[in-house]
Amino acid sequence: MWRKEIVEFALDFETRKHVEEQLAWIAADPADPKPYYHLAQLYRMQYKQDEGLALLLEAVRLDGDFAEAHVSLSEIYAVREDYKAAWKHARSAQRNGNERGVDLLARFHIPEPPMG
């Protein structure tokens, strides 16, 4: 029991430290999409999906070619069953060299909506 509490405390401390680092990076360079992406991943690990989604959308607004952010968006939208958005971001990632989103959607037999 005590080991679990110590490990969870240590992980929470480390996560908070990394969150603070990413927030400082954003404050120092708000036009860089990378800290938004990293902060989104930390929030997703903490089950803060809405916050992660908003940060990922900001990352791709800043850099439309940011493939890893598009993959993460495709994952979030797939879980939310917004398959049109999931495929849109999976294809954006694919155009920028990352197949993971397309592979994920195909593996789970999520049909791609017609273009239009």
PDB file of N, CA and C in Angstrom:
ATOM      1  N   MET A   1       0.820  -1.195   0.000  1.00  0.00           N
ATOM      2  CA  MET A   1       0.000   0.000   0.000  1.00  0.00           C
ATOM      3  C   MET A   1       0.866   1.261   0.000  1.00  0.00           C
ATOM      4  N   TRP A   2       1.814   1.353   0.914  1.00  0.00           N
ATOM      5  CA  TRP A   2       2.630   2.561   1.004  1.00  0.00           C
ATOM      6  C   TRP A   2       3.479   2.762  -0.236  1.00  0.00           C
ATOM      7  N   ARG A   3       3.917   1.654  -0.865  1.00  0.00           N
ATOM      8  CA  ARG A   3       4.711   1.777  -2.097  1.00  0.00           C
ATOM      9  C   ARG A   3       3.896   2.457  -3.189  1.00  0.00           C
ATOM     10  N   LYS A   4       2.647   2.038  -3.331  1.00  0.00           N
ATOM     11  CA  LYS A   4       1.772   2.636  -4.337  1.00  0.00           C
ATOM     12  C   LYS A   4       1.629   4.133  -4.101  1.00  0.00           C
ATOM     13  N   GLU A   5       1.438   4.535  -2.850  1.00  0.00           N
ATOM     14  CA  GLU A   5       1.291   5.958  -2.519  1.00  0.00           C
ATOM     15  C   GLU A   5       2.572   6.728  -2.826  1.00  0.00           C
ATOM     16  N   ILE A   6       3.716   6.156  -2.531  1.00  0.00           N
ATOM     17  CA  ILE A   6       4.993   6.820  -2.794  1.00  0.00           C
ATOM     18  C   ILE A   6       5.221   6.943  -4.298  1.00  0.00           C
ATOM     19  N   VAL A   7       4.969   5.871  -5.032  1.00  0.00           N
ATOM     20  CA  VAL A   7       5.161   5.900  -6.481  1.00  0.00           C
ATOM     21  C   VAL A   7       4.219   6.921  -7.105  1.00  0.00           C
ATOM     22  N   GLU A   8       2.936   6.909  -6.728  1.00  0.00           N
ATOM     23  CA  GLU A   8       1.984   7.874  -7.278  1.00  0.00           C
ATOM     24  C   GLU A   8       2.390   9.306  -6.953  1.00  0.00           C
ATOM     25  N   PHE A   9       2.853   9.550  -5.727  1.00  0.00           N
ATOM     26  CA  PHE A   9       3.302  10.885  -5.350  1.00  0.00           C
ATOM     27  C   PHE A   9       4.484  11.317  -6.217  1.00  0.00           C
ATOM     28  N   ALA A  10       5.442  10.417  -6.399  1.00  0.00           N
ATOM     29  CA  ALA A  10       6.622  10.738  -7.203  1.00  0.00           C
ATOM     30  C   ALA A  10       6.231  11.015  -8.648  1.00  0.00           C
ATOM     31  N   LEU A  11       5.342  10.199  -9.197  1.00  0.00           N
ATOM     32  CA  LEU A  11       4.898  10.421 -10.571  1.00  0.00           C
ATOM     33  C   LEU A  11       4.141  11.735 -10.703  1.00  0.00           C
ATOM     34  N   ASP A  12       3.277  12.032  -9.756  1.00  0.00           N
ATOM     35  CA  ASP A  12       2.550  13.301  -9.779  1.00  0.00           C
ATOM     36  C   ASP A  12       3.507  14.479  -9.702  1.00  0.00           C
ATOM     37  N   PHE A  13       4.525  14.370  -8.855  1.00  0.00           N
ATOM     38  CA  PHE A  13       5.515  15.433  -8.721  1.00  0.00           C
ATOM     39  C   PHE A  13       6.251  15.643 -10.039  1.00  0.00           C
ATOM     40  N   GLU A  14       6.690  14.550 -10.663  1.00  0.00           N
ATOM     41  CA  GLU A  14       7.402  14.641 -11.939  1.00  0.00           C
ATOM     42  C   GLU A  14       6.503  15.222 -13.024  1.00  0.00           C
ATOM     43  N   THR A  15       5.264  14.780 -13.065  1.00  0.00           N
ATOM     44  CA  THR A  15       4.337  15.291 -14.073  1.00  0.00           C
ATOM     45  C   THR A  15       4.125  16.783 -13.884  1.00  0.00           C
ATOM     46  N   ARG A  16       3.892  17.216 -12.652  1.00  0.00           N
ATOM     47  CA  ARG A  16       3.724  18.658 -12.384  1.00  0.00           C
ATOM     48  C   ARG A  16       4.953  19.439 -12.817  1.00  0.00           C
ATOM     49  N   LYS A  17       6.121  18.886 -12.564  1.00  0.00           N
ATOM     50  CA  LYS A  17       7.364  19.544 -12.964  1.00  0.00           C
ATOM     51  C   LYS A  17       7.408  19.704 -14.487  1.00  0.00           C
ATOM     52  N   HIS A  18       7.050  18.657 -15.209  1.00  0.00           N
ATOM     53  CA  HIS A  18       7.065  18.722 -16.674  1.00  0.00           C
ATOM     54  C   HIS A  18       5.988  19.672 -17.201  1.00  0.00           C
ATOM     55  N   VAL A  19       4.837  19.694 -16.563  1.00  0.00           N
ATOM     56  CA  VAL A  19       3.786  20.633 -16.956  1.00  0.00           C
ATOM     57  C   VAL A  19       4.299  22.064 -16.803  1.00  0.00           C
ATOM     58  N   GLU A  20       4.927  22.348 -15.683  1.00  0.00           N
ATOM     59  CA  GLU A  20       5.468  23.692 -15.445  1.00  0.00           C
ATOM     60  C   GLU A  20       6.530  24.057 -16.483  1.00  0.00           C
ATOM     61  N   GLU A  21       7.361  23.098 -16.863  1.00  0.00           N
ATOM     62  CA  GLU A  21       8.379  23.351 -17.887  1.00  0.00           C
ATOM     63  C   GLU A  21       7.742  23.721 -19.223  1.00  0.00           C
ATOM     64  N   GLN A  22       6.696  22.981 -19.594  1.00  0.00           N
ATOM     65  CA  GLN A  22       6.034  23.262 -20.873  1.00  0.00           C
ATOM     66  C   GLN A  22       5.317  24.615 -20.837  1.00  0.00           C
ATOM     67  N   LEU A  23       4.694  24.937 -19.711  1.00  0.00           N
ATOM     68  CA  LEU A  23       4.039  26.241 -19.578  1.00  0.00           C
ATOM     69  C   LEU A  23       5.056  27.374 -19.673  1.00  0.00           C
ATOM     70  N   ALA A  24       6.218  27.187 -19.089  1.00  0.00           N
ATOM     71  CA  ALA A  24       7.277  28.203 -19.178  1.00  0.00           C
ATOM     72  C   ALA A  24       7.759  28.335 -20.623  1.00  0.00           C
ATOM     73  N   TRP A  25       7.878  27.220 -21.334  1.00  0.00           N
ATOM     74  CA  TRP A  25       8.297  27.242 -22.740  1.00  0.00           C
ATOM     75  C   TRP A  25       7.274  28.000 -23.583  1.00  0.00           C
ATOM     76  N   ILE A  26       5.987  27.740 -23.332  1.00  0.00           N
ATOM     77  CA  ILE A  26       4.933  28.456 -24.053  1.00  0.00           C
ATOM     78  C   ILE A  26       5.009  29.946 -23.772  1.00  0.00           C
ATOM     79  N   ALA A  27       5.229  30.305 -22.522  1.00  0.00           N
ATOM     80  CA  ALA A  27       5.323  31.723 -22.163  1.00  0.00           C
ATOM     81  C   ALA A  27       6.513  32.384 -22.855  1.00  0.00           C
ATOM     82  N   ALA A  28       7.610  31.652 -22.963  1.00  0.00           N
ATOM     83  CA  ALA A  28       8.822  32.204 -23.573  1.00  0.00           C
ATOM     84  C   ALA A  28       8.724  32.255 -25.100  1.00  0.00           C
ATOM     85  N   ASP A  29       8.018  31.305 -25.706  1.00  0.00           N
ATOM     86  CA  ASP A  29       7.931  31.228 -27.163  1.00  0.00           C
ATOM     87  C   ASP A  29       6.544  30.741 -27.571  1.00  0.00           C
ATOM     88  N   PRO A  30       5.544  31.600 -27.486  1.00  0.00           N
ATOM     89  CA  PRO A  30       4.164  31.171 -27.749  1.00  0.00           C
ATOM     90  C   PRO A  30       3.892  30.744 -29.192  1.00  0.00           C
ATOM     91  N   ALA A  31       4.793  31.016 -30.113  1.00  0.00           N
ATOM     92  CA  ALA A  31       4.595  30.627 -31.508  1.00  0.00           C
ATOM     93  C   ALA A  31       5.159  29.242 -31.828  1.00  0.00           C
ATOM     94  N   ASP A  32       5.827  28.611 -30.877  1.00  0.00           N
ATOM     95  CA  ASP A  32       6.395  27.283 -31.089  1.00  0.00           C
ATOM     96  C   ASP A  32       5.332  26.232 -30.767  1.00  0.00           C
ATOM     97  N   PRO A  33       4.979  25.369 -31.698  1.00  0.00           N
ATOM     98  CA  PRO A  33       3.923  24.388 -31.443  1.00  0.00           C
ATOM     99  C   PRO A  33       4.343  23.226 -30.540  1.00  0.00           C
ATOM    100  N   LYS A  34       5.646  22.991 -30.404  1.00  0.00           N
ATOM    101  CA  LYS A  34       6.109  21.807 -29.670  1.00  0.00           C
ATOM    102  C   LYS A  34       5.672  21.780 -28.203  1.00  0.00           C
ATOM    103  N   PRO A  35       5.799  22.880 -27.444  1.00  0.00           N
ATOM    104  CA  PRO A  35       5.372  22.760 -26.048  1.00  0.00           C
ATOM    105  C   PRO A  35       3.864  22.542 -25.898  1.00  0.00           C
ATOM    106  N   TYR A  36       3.075  23.030 -26.839  1.00  0.00           N
ATOM    107  CA  TYR A  36       1.635  22.769 -26.796  1.00  0.00           C
ATOM    108  C   TYR A  36       1.386  21.274 -26.954  1.00  0.00           C
ATOM    109  N   TYR A  37       2.113  20.660 -27.883  1.00  0.00           N
ATOM    110  CA  TYR A  37       1.996  19.225 -28.116  1.00  0.00           C
ATOM    111  C   TYR A  37       2.408  18.440 -26.869  1.00  0.00           C
ATOM    112  N   HIS A  38       3.565  18.785 -26.297  1.00  0.00           N
ATOM    113  CA  HIS A  38       4.059  18.058 -25.125  1.00  0.00           C
ATOM    114  C   HIS A  38       3.124  18.229 -23.927  1.00  0.00           C
ATOM    115  N   LEU A  39       2.635  19.444 -23.732  1.00  0.00           N
ATOM    116  CA  LEU A  39       1.710  19.691 -22.631  1.00  0.00           C
ATOM    117  C   LEU A  39       0.414  18.910 -22.853  1.00  0.00           C
ATOM    118  N   ALA A  40      -0.040  18.843 -24.083  1.00  0.00           N
ATOM    119  CA  ALA A  40      -1.245  18.063 -24.387  1.00  0.00           C
ATOM    120  C   ALA A  40      -1.057  16.599 -24.003  1.00  0.00           C
ATOM    121  N   GLN A  41       0.111  16.037 -24.285  1.00  0.00           N
ATOM    122  CA  GLN A  41       0.353  14.635 -23.945  1.00  0.00           C
ATOM    123  C   GLN A  41       0.338  14.437 -22.428  1.00  0.00           C
ATOM    124  N   LEU A  42       0.905  15.382 -21.704  1.00  0.00           N
ATOM    125  CA  LEU A  42       0.880  15.293 -20.243  1.00  0.00           C
ATOM    126  C   LEU A  42      -0.552  15.367 -19.727  1.00  0.00           C
ATOM    127  N   TYR A  43      -1.345  16.263 -20.276  1.00  0.00           N
ATOM    128  CA  TYR A  43      -2.743  16.376 -19.857  1.00  0.00           C
ATOM    129  C   TYR A  43      -3.522  15.116 -20.213  1.00  0.00           C
ATOM    130  N   ARG A  44      -3.252  14.549 -21.367  1.00  0.00           N
ATOM    131  CA  ARG A  44      -3.943  13.316 -21.752  1.00  0.00           C
ATOM    132  C   ARG A  44      -3.623  12.192 -20.769  1.00  0.00           C
ATOM    133  N   MET A  45      -2.385  12.127 -20.284  1.00  0.00           N
ATOM    134  CA  MET A  45      -2.017  11.113 -19.292  1.00  0.00           C
ATOM    135  C   MET A  45      -2.776  11.331 -17.985  1.00  0.00           C
ATOM    136  N   GLN A  46      -3.168  12.570 -17.727  1.00  0.00           N
ATOM    137  CA  GLN A  46      -3.905  12.897 -16.514  1.00  0.00           C
ATOM    138  C   GLN A  46      -5.421  12.856 -16.741  1.00  0.00           C
ATOM    139  N   TYR A  47      -5.841  12.323 -17.866  1.00  0.00           N
ATOM    140  CA  TYR A  47      -7.260  12.203 -18.225  1.00  0.00           C
ATOM    141  C   TYR A  47      -7.931  13.567 -18.396  1.00  0.00           C
ATOM    142  N   LYS A  48      -7.164  14.538 -18.826  1.00  0.00           N
ATOM    143  CA  LYS A  48      -7.688  15.876 -19.126  1.00  0.00           C
ATOM    144  C   LYS A  48      -7.779  16.006 -20.648  1.00  0.00           C
ATOM    145  N   GLN A  49      -8.711  15.235 -21.215  1.00  0.00           N
ATOM    146  CA  GLN A  49      -8.802  15.141 -22.669  1.00  0.00           C
ATOM    147  C   GLN A  49      -9.182  16.464 -23.332  1.00  0.00           C
ATOM    148  N   ASP A  50     -10.102  17.208 -22.739  1.00  0.00           N
ATOM    149  CA  ASP A  50     -10.513  18.474 -23.355  1.00  0.00           C
ATOM    150  C   ASP A  50      -9.362  19.473 -23.409  1.00  0.00           C
ATOM    151  N   GLU A  51      -8.584  19.537 -22.330  1.00  0.00           N
ATOM    152  CA  GLU A  51      -7.431  20.429 -22.315  1.00  0.00           C
ATOM    153  C   GLU A  51      -6.394  19.987 -23.346  1.00  0.00           C
ATOM    154  N   GLY A  52      -6.182  18.665 -23.429  1.00  0.00           N
ATOM    155  CA  GLY A  52      -5.249  18.134 -24.420  1.00  0.00           C
ATOM    156  C   GLY A  52      -5.699  18.432 -25.829  1.00  0.00           C
ATOM    157  N   LEU A  53      -6.979  18.280 -26.092  1.00  0.00           N
ATOM    158  CA  LEU A  53      -7.522  18.570 -27.412  1.00  0.00           C
ATOM    159  C   LEU A  53      -7.278  20.027 -27.790  1.00  0.00           C
ATOM    160  N   ALA A  54      -7.573  20.936 -26.881  1.00  0.00           N
ATOM    161  CA  ALA A  54      -7.387  22.364 -27.167  1.00  0.00           C
ATOM    162  C   ALA A  54      -5.919  22.684 -27.468  1.00  0.00           C
ATOM    163  N   LEU A  55      -5.012  22.087 -26.720  1.00  0.00           N
ATOM    164  CA  LEU A  55      -3.587  22.337 -26.940  1.00  0.00           C
ATOM    165  C   LEU A  55      -3.112  21.766 -28.274  1.00  0.00           C
ATOM    166  N   LEU A  56      -3.616  20.598 -28.633  1.00  0.00           N
ATOM    167  CA  LEU A  56      -3.240  20.004 -29.918  1.00  0.00           C
ATOM    168  C   LEU A  56      -3.779  20.823 -31.081  1.00  0.00           C
ATOM    169  N   LEU A  57      -4.991  21.322 -30.937  1.00  0.00           N
ATOM    170  CA  LEU A  57      -5.537  22.182 -31.989  1.00  0.00           C
ATOM    171  C   LEU A  57      -4.705  23.451 -32.143  1.00  0.00           C
ATOM    172  N   GLU A  58      -4.216  23.974 -31.036  1.00  0.00           N
ATOM    173  CA  GLU A  58      -3.340  25.151 -31.111  1.00  0.00           C
ATOM    174  C   GLU A  58      -2.021  24.784 -31.784  1.00  0.00           C
ATOM    175  N   ALA A  59      -1.494  23.615 -31.476  1.00  0.00           N
ATOM    176  CA  ALA A  59      -0.236  23.181 -32.096  1.00  0.00           C
ATOM    177  C   ALA A  59      -0.372  23.105 -33.615  1.00  0.00           C
ATOM    178  N   VAL A  60      -1.486  22.530 -34.110  1.00  0.00           N
ATOM    179  CA  VAL A  60      -1.630  22.422 -35.565  1.00  0.00           C
ATOM    180  C   VAL A  60      -2.047  23.758 -36.186  1.00  0.00           C
ATOM    181  N   ARG A  61      -2.623  24.648 -35.394  1.00  0.00           N
ATOM    182  CA  ARG A  61      -2.892  25.991 -35.910  1.00  0.00           C
ATOM    183  C   ARG A  61      -1.563  26.706 -36.158  1.00  0.00           C
ATOM    184  N   LEU A  62      -0.634  26.521 -35.237  1.00  0.00           N
ATOM    185  CA  LEU A  62       0.683  27.148 -35.361  1.00  0.00           C
ATOM    186  C   LEU A  62       1.527  26.498 -36.453  1.00  0.00           C
ATOM    187  N   ASP A  63       1.370  25.196 -36.624  1.00  0.00           N
ATOM    188  CA  ASP A  63       2.135  24.464 -37.641  1.00  0.00           C
ATOM    189  C   ASP A  63       1.246  23.378 -38.222  1.00  0.00           C
ATOM    190  N   GLY A  64       0.628  23.669 -39.345  1.00  0.00           N
ATOM    191  CA  GLY A  64      -0.280  22.727 -39.982  1.00  0.00           C
ATOM    192  C   GLY A  64       0.379  21.441 -40.439  1.00  0.00           C
ATOM    193  N   ASP A  65       1.705  21.407 -40.481  1.00  0.00           N
ATOM    194  CA  ASP A  65       2.443  20.216 -40.917  1.00  0.00           C
ATOM    195  C   ASP A  65       2.948  19.373 -39.745  1.00  0.00           C
ATOM    196  N   PHE A  66       2.523  19.670 -38.536  1.00  0.00           N
ATOM    197  CA  PHE A  66       3.004  18.992 -37.328  1.00  0.00           C
ATOM    198  C   PHE A  66       2.325  17.615 -37.230  1.00  0.00           C
ATOM    199  N   ALA A  67       2.955  16.625 -37.854  1.00  0.00           N
ATOM    200  CA  ALA A  67       2.356  15.298 -38.014  1.00  0.00           C
ATOM    201  C   ALA A  67       2.006  14.637 -36.689  1.00  0.00           C
ATOM    202  N   GLU A  68       2.883  14.701 -35.701  1.00  0.00           N
ATOM    203  CA  GLU A  68       2.626  14.030 -34.427  1.00  0.00           C
ATOM    204  C   GLU A  68       1.386  14.603 -33.749  1.00  0.00           C
ATOM    205  N   ALA A  69       1.188  15.909 -33.845  1.00  0.00           N
ATOM    206  CA  ALA A  69      -0.010  16.523 -33.260  1.00  0.00           C
ATOM    207  C   ALA A  69      -1.255  16.061 -34.000  1.00  0.00           C
ATOM    208  N   HIS A  70      -1.162  15.934 -35.321  1.00  0.00           N
ATOM    209  CA  HIS A  70      -2.304  15.438 -36.086  1.00  0.00           C
ATOM    210  C   HIS A  70      -2.641  13.995 -35.700  1.00  0.00           C
ATOM    211  N   VAL A  71      -1.631  13.168 -35.472  1.00  0.00           N
ATOM    212  CA  VAL A  71      -1.880  11.786 -35.045  1.00  0.00           C
ATOM    213  C   VAL A  71      -2.612  11.780 -33.714  1.00  0.00           C
ATOM    214  N   SER A  72      -2.158  12.589 -32.771  1.00  0.00           N
ATOM    215  CA  SER A  72      -2.814  12.641 -31.467  1.00  0.00           C
ATOM    216  C   SER A  72      -4.257  13.114 -31.597  1.00  0.00           C
ATOM    217  N   LEU A  73      -4.485  14.079 -32.471  1.00  0.00           N
ATOM    218  CA  LEU A  73      -5.857  14.533 -32.709  1.00  0.00           C
ATOM    219  C   LEU A  73      -6.705  13.418 -33.308  1.00  0.00           C
ATOM    220  N   SER A  74      -6.131  12.641 -34.219  1.00  0.00           N
ATOM    221  CA  SER A  74      -6.897  11.538 -34.799  1.00  0.00           C
ATOM    222  C   SER A  74      -7.271  10.519 -33.721  1.00  0.00           C
ATOM    223  N   GLU A  75      -6.383  10.280 -32.759  1.00  0.00           N
ATOM    224  CA  GLU A  75      -6.687   9.360 -31.660  1.00  0.00           C
ATOM    225  C   GLU A  75      -7.838   9.889 -30.805  1.00  0.00           C
ATOM    226  N   ILE A  76      -7.752  11.152 -30.435  1.00  0.00           N
ATOM    227  CA  ILE A  76      -8.798  11.743 -29.590  1.00  0.00           C
ATOM    228  C   ILE A  76     -10.144  11.711 -30.302  1.00  0.00           C
ATOM    229  N   TYR A  77     -10.156  12.137 -31.561  1.00  0.00           N
ATOM    230  CA  TYR A  77     -11.416  12.170 -32.291  1.00  0.00           C
ATOM    231  C   TYR A  77     -11.972  10.763 -32.529  1.00  0.00           C
ATOM    232  N   ALA A  78     -11.115   9.786 -32.710  1.00  0.00           N
ATOM    233  CA  ALA A  78     -11.592   8.410 -32.878  1.00  0.00           C
ATOM    234  C   ALA A  78     -12.289   7.931 -31.609  1.00  0.00           C
ATOM    235  N   VAL A  79     -11.700   8.202 -30.470  1.00  0.00           N
ATOM    236  CA  VAL A  79     -12.320   7.814 -29.195  1.00  0.00           C
ATOM    237  C   VAL A  79     -13.663   8.516 -29.019  1.00  0.00           C
ATOM    238  N   ARG A  80     -13.754   9.750 -29.465  1.00  0.00           N
ATOM    239  CA  ARG A  80     -15.005  10.511 -29.361  1.00  0.00           C
ATOM    240  C   ARG A  80     -16.001  10.140 -30.459  1.00  0.00           C
ATOM    241  N   GLU A  81     -15.606   9.223 -31.321  1.00  0.00           N
ATOM    242  CA  GLU A  81     -16.428   8.760 -32.433  1.00  0.00           C
ATOM    243  C   GLU A  81     -16.750   9.868 -33.437  1.00  0.00           C
ATOM    244  N   ASP A  82     -15.864  10.845 -33.522  1.00  0.00           N
ATOM    245  CA  ASP A  82     -15.944  11.868 -34.572  1.00  0.00           C
ATOM    246  C   ASP A  82     -14.991  11.416 -35.671  1.00  0.00           C
ATOM    247  N   TYR A  83     -15.453  10.447 -36.447  1.00  0.00           N
ATOM    248  CA  TYR A  83     -14.580   9.791 -37.401  1.00  0.00           C
ATOM    249  C   TYR A  83     -14.177  10.697 -38.559  1.00  0.00           C
ATOM    250  N   LYS A  84     -15.017  11.622 -38.919  1.00  0.00           N
ATOM    251  CA  LYS A  84     -14.653  12.556 -39.983  1.00  0.00           C
ATOM    252  C   LYS A  84     -13.424  13.371 -39.560  1.00  0.00           C
ATOM    253  N   ALA A  85     -13.448  13.906 -38.344  1.00  0.00           N
ATOM    254  CA  ALA A  85     -12.300  14.669 -37.847  1.00  0.00           C
ATOM    255  C   ALA A  85     -11.093  13.759 -37.650  1.00  0.00           C
ATOM    256  N   ALA A  86     -11.321  12.537 -37.170  1.00  0.00           N
ATOM    257  CA  ALA A  86     -10.216  11.591 -36.961  1.00  0.00           C
ATOM    258  C   ALA A  86      -9.491  11.328 -38.275  1.00  0.00           C
ATOM    259  N   TRP A  87     -10.249  11.056 -39.327  1.00  0.00           N
ATOM    260  CA  TRP A  87      -9.634  10.800 -40.633  1.00  0.00           C
ATOM    261  C   TRP A  87      -8.959  12.043 -41.193  1.00  0.00           C
ATOM    262  N   LYS A  88      -9.569  13.197 -40.992  1.00  0.00           N
ATOM    263  CA  LYS A  88      -8.964  14.448 -41.481  1.00  0.00           C
ATOM    264  C   LYS A  88      -7.560  14.614 -40.896  1.00  0.00           C
ATOM    265  N   HIS A  89      -7.424  14.411 -39.594  1.00  0.00           N
ATOM    266  CA  HIS A  89      -6.117  14.589 -38.957  1.00  0.00           C
ATOM    267  C   HIS A  89      -5.175  13.431 -39.286  1.00  0.00           C
ATOM    268  N   ALA A  90      -5.714  12.230 -39.427  1.00  0.00           N
ATOM    269  CA  ALA A  90      -4.867  11.093 -39.816  1.00  0.00           C
ATOM    270  C   ALA A  90      -4.268  11.326 -41.195  1.00  0.00           C
ATOM    271  N   ARG A  91      -5.074  11.843 -42.116  1.00  0.00           N
ATOM    272  CA  ARG A  91      -4.569  12.121 -43.465  1.00  0.00           C
ATOM    273  C   ARG A  91      -3.578  13.280 -43.464  1.00  0.00           C
ATOM    274  N   SER A  92      -3.807  14.282 -42.610  1.00  0.00           N
ATOM    275  CA  SER A  92      -2.836  15.382 -42.501  1.00  0.00           C
ATOM    276  C   SER A  92      -1.500  14.859 -42.003  1.00  0.00           C
ATOM    277  N   ALA A  93      -1.542  13.984 -41.017  1.00  0.00           N
ATOM    278  CA  ALA A  93      -0.305  13.386 -40.510  1.00  0.00           C
ATOM    279  C   ALA A  93       0.377  12.571 -41.598  1.00  0.00           C
ATOM    280  N   GLN A  94      -0.416  11.809 -42.338  1.00  0.00           N
ATOM    281  CA  GLN A  94       0.131  10.979 -43.411  1.00  0.00           C
ATOM    282  C   GLN A  94       0.824  11.838 -44.467  1.00  0.00           C
ATOM    283  N   ARG A  95       0.199  12.946 -44.841  1.00  0.00           N
ATOM    284  CA  ARG A  95       0.809  13.841 -45.837  1.00  0.00           C
ATOM    285  C   ARG A  95       2.145  14.396 -45.339  1.00  0.00           C
ATOM    286  N   ASN A  96       2.325  14.382 -44.031  1.00  0.00           N
ATOM    287  CA  ASN A  96       3.556  14.901 -43.446  1.00  0.00           C
ATOM    288  C   ASN A  96       4.458  13.793 -42.909  1.00  0.00           C
ATOM    289  N   GLY A  97       4.248  12.579 -43.433  1.00  0.00           N
ATOM    290  CA  GLY A  97       5.194  11.499 -43.167  1.00  0.00           C
ATOM    291  C   GLY A  97       4.902  10.587 -42.000  1.00  0.00           C
ATOM    292  N   ASN A  98       3.739  10.705 -41.373  1.00  0.00           N
ATOM    293  CA  ASN A  98       3.443   9.856 -40.225  1.00  0.00           C
ATOM    294  C   ASN A  98       2.169   9.058 -40.515  1.00  0.00           C
ATOM    295  N   GLU A  99       2.303   7.747 -40.605  1.00  0.00           N
ATOM    296  CA  GLU A  99       1.203   6.846 -40.965  1.00  0.00           C
ATOM    297  C   GLU A  99       0.406   6.337 -39.764  1.00  0.00           C
ATOM    298  N   ARG A 100       0.829   6.655 -38.551  1.00  0.00           N
ATOM    299  CA  ARG A 100       0.217   6.029 -37.367  1.00  0.00           C
ATOM    300  C   ARG A 100      -1.288   6.256 -37.258  1.00  0.00           C
ATOM    301  N   GLY A 101      -1.775   7.450 -37.557  1.00  0.00           N
ATOM    302  CA  GLY A 101      -3.203   7.719 -37.460  1.00  0.00           C
ATOM    303  C   GLY A 101      -4.001   6.899 -38.446  1.00  0.00           C
ATOM    304  N   VAL A 102      -3.541   6.855 -39.689  1.00  0.00           N
ATOM    305  CA  VAL A 102      -4.216   6.055 -40.718  1.00  0.00           C
ATOM    306  C   VAL A 102      -4.181   4.580 -40.336  1.00  0.00           C
ATOM    307  N   ASP A 103      -3.036   4.109 -39.863  1.00  0.00           N
ATOM    308  CA  ASP A 103      -2.911   2.708 -39.452  1.00  0.00           C
ATOM    309  C   ASP A 103      -3.886   2.377 -38.321  1.00  0.00           C
ATOM    310  N   LEU A 104      -3.992   3.266 -37.350  1.00  0.00           N
ATOM    311  CA  LEU A 104      -4.889   3.049 -36.215  1.00  0.00           C
ATOM    312  C   LEU A 104      -6.343   2.938 -36.686  1.00  0.00           C
ATOM    313  N   LEU A 105      -6.771   3.886 -37.488  1.00  0.00           N
ATOM    314  CA  LEU A 105      -8.157   3.891 -37.953  1.00  0.00           C
ATOM    315  C   LEU A 105      -8.447   2.675 -38.827  1.00  0.00           C
ATOM    316  N   ALA A 106      -7.508   2.306 -39.666  1.00  0.00           N
ATOM    317  CA  ALA A 106      -7.687   1.128 -40.516  1.00  0.00           C
ATOM    318  C   ALA A 106      -7.725  -0.148 -39.670  1.00  0.00           C
ATOM    319  N   ARG A 107      -6.854  -0.232 -38.680  1.00  0.00           N
ATOM    320  CA  ARG A 107      -6.786  -1.431 -37.830  1.00  0.00           C
ATOM    321  C   ARG A 107      -8.120  -1.673 -37.113  1.00  0.00           C
ATOM    322  N   PHE A 108      -8.808  -0.598 -36.742  1.00  0.00           N
ATOM    323  CA  PHE A 108     -10.087  -0.733 -36.052  1.00  0.00           C
ATOM    324  C   PHE A 108     -11.275  -0.650 -37.013  1.00  0.00           C
ATOM    325  N   HIS A 109     -10.974  -0.743 -38.302  1.00  0.00           N
ATOM    326  CA  HIS A 109     -12.003  -0.795 -39.348  1.00  0.00           C
ATOM    327  C   HIS A 109     -12.957   0.396 -39.277  1.00  0.00           C
ATOM    328  N   ILE A 110     -12.404   1.558 -39.031  1.00  0.00           N
ATOM    329  CA  ILE A 110     -13.203   2.779 -39.022  1.00  0.00           C
ATOM    330  C   ILE A 110     -13.239   3.299 -40.458  1.00  0.00           C
ATOM    331  N   PRO A 111     -14.405   3.279 -41.060  1.00  0.00           N
ATOM    332  CA  PRO A 111     -14.484   3.674 -42.480  1.00  0.00           C
ATOM    333  C   PRO A 111     -14.188   5.152 -42.663  1.00  0.00           C
ATOM    334  N   GLU A 112     -13.479   5.422 -43.739  1.00  0.00           N
ATOM    335  CA  GLU A 112     -13.167   6.807 -44.063  1.00  0.00           C
ATOM    336  C   GLU A 112     -14.394   7.441 -44.727  1.00  0.00           C
ATOM    337  N   PRO A 113     -14.833   8.593 -44.212  1.00  0.00           N
ATOM    338  CA  PRO A 113     -16.003   9.230 -44.832  1.00  0.00           C
ATOM    339  C   PRO A 113     -15.665   9.723 -46.235  1.00  0.00           C
ATOM    340  N   PRO A 114     -16.674   9.811 -47.092  1.00  0.00           N
ATOM    341  CA  PRO A 114     -16.416  10.311 -48.441  1.00  0.00           C
ATOM    342  C   PRO A 114     -15.921  11.752 -48.404  1.00  0.00           C
ATOM    343  N   MET A 115     -15.085  12.084 -49.366  1.00  0.00           N
ATOM    344  CA  MET A 115     -14.576  13.453 -49.475  1.00  0.00           C
ATOM    345  C   MET A 115     -15.734  14.370 -49.835  1.00  0.00           C
ATOM    346  N   GLY A 116     -15.633  15.600 -49.334  1.00  0.00           N
ATOM    347  CA  GLY A 116     -16.654  16.550 -49.734  1.00  0.00           C
ATOM    348  C   GLY A 116     -17.091  17.456 -48.699  1.00  0.00           C
TER     349      GLY A 116
END
